């Protein structure tokens, strides 16, 4: 589990999958602030980097967990 201990106001956005693996990403102000990754998601490193770098994800927020979008290539 990757998490940031910041307090959140009511303007947050949660993205999740309901498949074999489980991914839940907490986004606020177009930045990833936390995530729960269960199973073989291959997203651990890229999600951690998005959290630590405070990367603006506005351009991909709606498709953040779209399996056709390769986040590693997009943010590498």
N, C-alpha and C. Protein backbone atom coordinates (compact mmCIF):
# COMPACT_ATOMS: atom_id res chain seq x y z
N UNK A 1 0.84 -1.17 0.00
CA UNK A 1 0.00 0.00 0.00
C UNK A 1 0.88 1.23 0.00
N UNK A 2 0.57 2.16 -0.88
CA UNK A 2 1.27 3.44 -0.94
C UNK A 2 0.29 4.48 -0.46
N UNK A 3 0.71 5.32 0.44
CA UNK A 3 -0.21 6.31 0.98
C UNK A 3 0.53 7.56 1.40
N UNK A 4 -0.18 8.65 1.39
CA UNK A 4 0.34 9.92 1.87
C UNK A 4 -0.57 10.30 3.03
N UNK A 5 -0.03 10.78 4.12
CA UNK A 5 -0.83 11.03 5.31
C UNK A 5 -1.43 12.43 5.36
N UNK A 6 -1.51 13.11 4.23
CA UNK A 6 -2.11 14.44 4.19
C UNK A 6 -3.61 14.36 4.49
N UNK A 7 -4.15 15.43 5.03
CA UNK A 7 -5.59 15.51 5.22
C UNK A 7 -6.22 16.02 3.93
N UNK A 8 -7.39 15.49 3.60
CA UNK A 8 -8.05 15.85 2.36
C UNK A 8 -9.31 16.64 2.63
N UNK A 9 -9.56 17.62 1.78
CA UNK A 9 -10.84 18.31 1.85
C UNK A 9 -11.84 17.50 1.03
N UNK A 10 -12.99 18.03 0.77
CA UNK A 10 -14.03 17.29 0.06
C UNK A 10 -13.82 17.22 -1.45
N UNK A 11 -12.81 17.88 -1.98
CA UNK A 11 -12.58 17.89 -3.42
C UNK A 11 -11.53 16.85 -3.79
N UNK A 12 -11.89 15.59 -3.69
CA UNK A 12 -10.98 14.54 -4.10
C UNK A 12 -11.67 13.63 -5.11
N UNK A 13 -10.89 12.84 -5.79
CA UNK A 13 -11.35 12.02 -6.89
C UNK A 13 -10.76 10.64 -6.68
N UNK A 14 -11.59 9.63 -6.72
CA UNK A 14 -11.11 8.26 -6.51
C UNK A 14 -11.34 7.45 -7.78
N UNK A 15 -10.31 6.75 -8.23
CA UNK A 15 -10.38 5.89 -9.40
C UNK A 15 -10.12 4.48 -8.92
N UNK A 16 -10.94 3.51 -9.35
CA UNK A 16 -10.70 2.14 -8.93
C UNK A 16 -11.06 1.15 -10.03
N UNK A 17 -10.49 -0.04 -9.94
CA UNK A 17 -10.83 -1.14 -10.82
C UNK A 17 -11.52 -2.22 -10.01
N UNK A 18 -12.29 -3.02 -10.67
CA UNK A 18 -12.96 -4.14 -10.00
C UNK A 18 -12.72 -5.39 -10.84
N UNK A 19 -11.47 -5.77 -10.98
CA UNK A 19 -11.10 -6.90 -11.82
C UNK A 19 -10.34 -7.91 -10.97
N UNK A 20 -9.50 -8.71 -11.59
CA UNK A 20 -8.71 -9.69 -10.86
C UNK A 20 -7.81 -8.99 -9.85
N UNK A 21 -7.16 -7.92 -10.29
CA UNK A 21 -6.41 -7.11 -9.35
C UNK A 21 -7.27 -5.93 -8.93
N UNK A 22 -6.92 -5.34 -7.81
CA UNK A 22 -7.70 -4.22 -7.27
C UNK A 22 -6.78 -3.01 -7.18
N UNK A 23 -7.22 -1.91 -7.78
CA UNK A 23 -6.45 -0.67 -7.75
C UNK A 23 -7.39 0.45 -7.36
N UNK A 24 -6.99 1.20 -6.35
CA UNK A 24 -7.75 2.36 -5.93
C UNK A 24 -6.75 3.51 -5.80
N UNK A 25 -7.01 4.61 -6.50
CA UNK A 25 -6.09 5.74 -6.52
C UNK A 25 -6.84 6.97 -6.03
N UNK A 26 -6.25 7.67 -5.09
CA UNK A 26 -6.83 8.90 -4.56
C UNK A 26 -6.14 10.08 -5.22
N UNK A 27 -6.94 10.90 -5.93
CA UNK A 27 -6.43 12.05 -6.66
C UNK A 27 -7.08 13.30 -6.09
N UNK A 28 -6.27 14.30 -5.82
CA UNK A 28 -6.77 15.60 -5.38
C UNK A 28 -5.95 16.68 -6.08
N UNK A 29 -6.63 17.69 -6.59
CA UNK A 29 -5.97 18.78 -7.31
C UNK A 29 -5.08 18.25 -8.43
N UNK A 30 -5.58 17.24 -9.15
CA UNK A 30 -4.88 16.63 -10.28
C UNK A 30 -3.54 16.00 -9.92
N UNK A 31 -3.39 15.58 -8.68
CA UNK A 31 -2.18 14.89 -8.24
C UNK A 31 -2.57 13.64 -7.47
N UNK A 32 -1.78 12.59 -7.63
CA UNK A 32 -2.02 11.35 -6.92
C UNK A 32 -1.48 11.50 -5.50
N UNK A 33 -2.34 11.25 -4.52
CA UNK A 33 -1.94 11.38 -3.12
C UNK A 33 -1.90 10.04 -2.39
N UNK A 34 -2.45 8.99 -2.97
CA UNK A 34 -2.41 7.70 -2.33
C UNK A 34 -2.97 6.63 -3.24
N UNK A 35 -2.69 5.38 -2.92
CA UNK A 35 -3.18 4.28 -3.74
C UNK A 35 -3.16 2.99 -2.94
N UNK A 36 -4.08 2.10 -3.29
CA UNK A 36 -4.10 0.74 -2.79
C UNK A 36 -3.99 -0.16 -4.01
N UNK A 37 -2.96 -1.00 -4.04
CA UNK A 37 -2.72 -1.89 -5.17
C UNK A 37 -2.67 -3.32 -4.65
N UNK A 38 -3.58 -4.16 -5.11
CA UNK A 38 -3.62 -5.56 -4.68
C UNK A 38 -3.55 -6.43 -5.92
N UNK A 39 -2.63 -7.37 -5.93
CA UNK A 39 -2.45 -8.24 -7.08
C UNK A 39 -1.30 -7.76 -7.95
N UNK A 40 -1.12 -8.41 -9.08
CA UNK A 40 -0.04 -8.09 -10.01
C UNK A 40 -0.47 -6.96 -10.94
N UNK A 41 -0.34 -5.73 -10.48
CA UNK A 41 -0.83 -4.59 -11.25
C UNK A 41 0.24 -3.97 -12.14
N UNK A 42 1.51 -4.16 -11.82
CA UNK A 42 2.63 -3.54 -12.52
C UNK A 42 2.57 -2.02 -12.49
N UNK A 43 1.84 -1.46 -11.52
CA UNK A 43 1.71 -0.01 -11.40
C UNK A 43 2.45 0.55 -10.19
N UNK A 44 3.08 -0.32 -9.40
CA UNK A 44 3.67 0.13 -8.13
C UNK A 44 4.65 1.28 -8.32
N UNK A 45 5.61 1.10 -9.22
CA UNK A 45 6.66 2.10 -9.39
C UNK A 45 6.12 3.41 -9.96
N UNK A 46 5.28 3.32 -10.97
CA UNK A 46 4.78 4.55 -11.59
C UNK A 46 3.87 5.32 -10.64
N UNK A 47 3.02 4.62 -9.87
CA UNK A 47 2.16 5.30 -8.90
C UNK A 47 3.01 5.94 -7.80
N UNK A 48 4.02 5.22 -7.33
CA UNK A 48 4.90 5.78 -6.30
C UNK A 48 5.58 7.05 -6.81
N UNK A 49 6.06 7.02 -8.05
CA UNK A 49 6.72 8.20 -8.62
C UNK A 49 5.74 9.36 -8.78
N UNK A 50 4.51 9.08 -9.18
CA UNK A 50 3.51 10.15 -9.31
C UNK A 50 3.25 10.80 -7.96
N UNK A 51 3.20 9.99 -6.90
CA UNK A 51 2.97 10.52 -5.55
C UNK A 51 4.17 11.35 -5.11
N UNK A 52 5.36 10.78 -5.20
CA UNK A 52 6.56 11.44 -4.69
C UNK A 52 6.92 12.71 -5.47
N UNK A 53 6.68 12.70 -6.79
CA UNK A 53 7.03 13.86 -7.62
C UNK A 53 5.93 14.90 -7.67
N UNK A 54 4.73 14.56 -7.21
CA UNK A 54 3.62 15.51 -7.27
C UNK A 54 3.24 15.86 -8.70
N UNK A 55 3.33 14.88 -9.59
CA UNK A 55 3.09 15.09 -11.01
C UNK A 55 1.63 15.44 -11.29
N UNK A 56 1.41 16.44 -12.12
CA UNK A 56 0.05 16.83 -12.53
C UNK A 56 -0.45 15.80 -13.54
N UNK A 57 -1.57 15.16 -13.24
CA UNK A 57 -2.10 14.10 -14.11
C UNK A 57 -3.39 14.53 -14.80
N UNK A 58 -3.63 15.84 -14.90
CA UNK A 58 -4.88 16.35 -15.47
C UNK A 58 -5.15 15.77 -16.86
N UNK A 59 -4.11 15.60 -17.66
CA UNK A 59 -4.31 15.13 -19.04
C UNK A 59 -4.73 13.67 -19.13
N UNK A 60 -4.51 12.88 -18.08
CA UNK A 60 -4.88 11.46 -18.12
C UNK A 60 -5.78 11.04 -16.97
N UNK A 61 -6.26 11.98 -16.18
CA UNK A 61 -7.03 11.64 -14.97
C UNK A 61 -8.21 10.73 -15.27
N UNK A 62 -8.96 11.03 -16.32
CA UNK A 62 -10.14 10.22 -16.65
C UNK A 62 -9.78 8.81 -17.11
N UNK A 63 -8.59 8.64 -17.67
CA UNK A 63 -8.16 7.33 -18.18
C UNK A 63 -7.02 6.74 -17.37
N UNK A 64 -6.85 7.19 -16.15
CA UNK A 64 -5.71 6.80 -15.32
C UNK A 64 -5.54 5.29 -15.23
N UNK A 65 -6.62 4.56 -15.10
CA UNK A 65 -6.53 3.10 -14.97
C UNK A 65 -7.00 2.36 -16.21
N UNK A 66 -7.08 3.06 -17.32
CA UNK A 66 -7.43 2.44 -18.59
C UNK A 66 -6.31 1.48 -18.98
N UNK A 67 -6.63 0.20 -19.19
CA UNK A 67 -5.57 -0.77 -19.52
C UNK A 67 -4.89 -0.47 -20.86
N UNK A 68 -5.51 0.33 -21.72
CA UNK A 68 -4.90 0.68 -23.00
C UNK A 68 -3.91 1.83 -22.88
N UNK A 69 -3.86 2.50 -21.73
CA UNK A 69 -2.91 3.58 -21.49
C UNK A 69 -1.74 3.03 -20.68
N UNK A 70 -0.55 3.10 -21.23
CA UNK A 70 0.64 2.62 -20.53
C UNK A 70 1.24 3.78 -19.74
N UNK A 71 0.90 3.85 -18.45
CA UNK A 71 1.37 4.95 -17.61
C UNK A 71 2.89 5.03 -17.54
N UNK A 72 3.55 3.88 -17.55
CA UNK A 72 5.01 3.89 -17.48
C UNK A 72 5.62 4.60 -18.68
N UNK A 73 5.09 4.37 -19.87
CA UNK A 73 5.59 5.06 -21.05
C UNK A 73 5.20 6.52 -21.04
N UNK A 74 4.01 6.81 -20.56
CA UNK A 74 3.49 8.18 -20.57
C UNK A 74 4.28 9.07 -19.62
N UNK A 75 4.65 8.57 -18.46
CA UNK A 75 5.34 9.37 -17.45
C UNK A 75 6.80 8.99 -17.26
N UNK A 76 7.37 8.29 -18.21
CA UNK A 76 8.77 7.88 -18.11
C UNK A 76 9.69 8.97 -18.59
